[in-house]
């Protein structure tokens, strides 16, 4: 079963996190603590988005994605970034929260399919 909303949310998160980790963190030392988290979040979301697009439905995979996105958002919400960096971090946190929420919905739906 392919979940378009999960695929879209995952790839939106990848785009926002990659932009933050490359453009945002290179411009501001204050944003560096979120750099590694952004890279991990983007990589996990990319994997989940690609597997989902291939029809893989795995509740543990969606659970992992939601957890990583939640951790990234929590870590970066408290960052003291200004200017353009604040916009990068805001966009990536919003995308991560949306992705986590969507993955939890897909995770619950997967549980129903496995019964």
Protein backbone atom coordinates (compact mmCIF):
# COMPACT_ATOMS: atom_id res chain seq x y z
CA UNK A 1 0.00 0.00 0.00
CA UNK A 2 1.45 3.38 -0.98
CA UNK A 3 0.84 6.35 1.27
CA UNK A 4 1.18 9.48 -0.83
CA UNK A 5 0.87 11.80 2.17
CA UNK A 6 3.76 10.05 3.91
CA UNK A 7 5.94 10.17 0.81
CA UNK A 8 5.24 13.87 0.32
CA UNK A 9 5.86 14.71 4.00
CA UNK A 10 9.09 12.74 4.06
CA UNK A 11 10.49 14.43 0.98
CA UNK A 12 9.37 17.89 2.16
CA UNK A 13 11.29 17.22 5.35
CA UNK A 14 14.35 16.06 3.40
CA UNK A 15 14.32 19.27 1.39
CA UNK A 16 13.95 21.53 4.44
CA UNK A 17 16.53 19.69 6.54
CA UNK A 18 19.07 19.56 3.72
CA UNK A 19 18.65 23.27 3.11
CA UNK A 20 19.08 24.01 6.81
CA UNK A 21 22.10 21.74 7.24
CA UNK A 22 23.91 23.10 4.19
CA UNK A 23 22.92 26.73 3.80
CA UNK A 24 21.79 27.61 7.31
CA UNK A 25 24.50 25.98 9.36
CA UNK A 26 27.33 27.24 7.20
CA UNK A 27 26.25 30.80 7.89
CA UNK A 28 25.83 30.62 11.64
CA UNK A 29 27.81 28.97 14.43
CA UNK A 30 24.70 29.12 16.67
CA UNK A 31 22.95 26.67 14.37
CA UNK A 32 25.72 24.08 14.43
CA UNK A 33 24.19 21.92 17.19
CA UNK A 34 21.30 21.12 14.87
CA UNK A 35 23.54 20.31 11.91
CA UNK A 36 24.04 16.59 12.64
CA UNK A 37 20.41 16.18 13.64
CA UNK A 38 19.28 17.77 10.37
CA UNK A 39 21.46 15.41 8.35
CA UNK A 40 20.17 12.35 10.21
CA UNK A 41 16.57 13.52 9.90
CA UNK A 42 16.97 14.08 6.16
CA UNK A 43 18.59 10.67 5.66
CA UNK A 44 15.92 8.79 7.60
CA UNK A 45 13.09 10.65 5.89
CA UNK A 46 14.66 9.99 2.50
CA UNK A 47 14.85 6.27 3.23
CA UNK A 48 11.27 6.11 4.50
CA UNK A 49 9.96 8.14 1.56
CA UNK A 50 11.75 5.94 -0.96
CA UNK A 51 10.68 2.67 0.67
CA UNK A 52 7.10 3.88 0.99
CA UNK A 53 7.06 4.83 -2.69
CA UNK A 54 8.07 1.24 -3.45
CA UNK A 55 5.10 -0.09 -1.49
CA UNK A 56 6.87 -1.01 1.74
CA UNK A 57 4.52 -0.73 4.72
CA UNK A 58 6.39 -1.24 7.98
CA UNK A 59 5.10 0.18 11.25
CA UNK A 60 8.58 0.14 12.82
CA UNK A 61 9.95 2.19 9.94
CA UNK A 62 7.27 4.85 10.39
CA UNK A 63 7.82 4.79 14.14
CA UNK A 64 11.56 5.40 13.65
CA UNK A 65 10.91 8.24 11.23
CA UNK A 66 8.48 9.92 13.64
CA UNK A 67 10.94 9.57 16.50
CA UNK A 68 13.86 11.03 14.54
CA UNK A 69 11.72 13.93 13.28
CA UNK A 70 10.45 14.66 16.80
CA UNK A 71 13.98 14.63 18.22
CA UNK A 72 15.24 16.94 15.49
CA UNK A 73 12.36 19.39 16.01
CA UNK A 74 12.86 19.38 19.79
CA UNK A 75 16.61 19.93 19.46
CA UNK A 76 16.27 22.78 17.00
CA UNK A 77 13.30 24.66 18.40
CA UNK A 78 15.54 26.12 21.09
CA UNK A 79 18.32 27.20 18.68
CA UNK A 80 19.25 30.84 18.90
CA UNK A 81 19.45 31.61 15.18
CA UNK A 82 18.74 34.96 13.61
CA UNK A 83 17.88 36.27 10.17
CA UNK A 84 17.91 33.82 7.29
CA UNK A 85 19.08 31.02 9.59
CA UNK A 86 15.95 31.44 11.68
CA UNK A 87 13.89 30.94 8.53
CA UNK A 88 15.79 27.78 7.61
CA UNK A 89 15.38 26.32 11.05
CA UNK A 90 11.70 27.29 11.27
CA UNK A 91 10.96 25.63 7.93
CA UNK A 92 12.83 22.45 8.86
CA UNK A 93 11.20 22.19 12.29
CA UNK A 94 7.74 22.63 10.76
CA UNK A 95 8.48 20.03 8.08
CA UNK A 96 9.85 17.58 10.67
CA UNK A 97 6.78 17.97 12.89
CA UNK A 98 4.45 17.41 9.94
CA UNK A 99 6.46 14.38 8.83
CA UNK A 100 6.37 12.89 12.34
CA UNK A 101 2.62 13.35 12.51
CA UNK A 102 2.08 11.82 9.07
CA UNK A 103 4.35 8.87 9.83
CA UNK A 104 2.39 8.14 13.02
CA UNK A 105 -0.82 8.04 10.97
CA UNK A 106 0.78 5.67 8.46
CA UNK A 107 2.16 3.59 11.32
CA UNK A 108 -1.33 3.13 12.76
CA UNK A 109 -2.67 2.25 9.32
CA UNK A 110 0.10 -0.35 8.89
CA UNK A 111 -0.92 -1.98 12.15
CA UNK A 112 -4.40 -2.49 10.70
CA UNK A 113 -2.99 -4.05 7.51
CA UNK A 114 -0.88 -6.56 9.43
CA UNK A 115 -3.83 -8.02 11.34
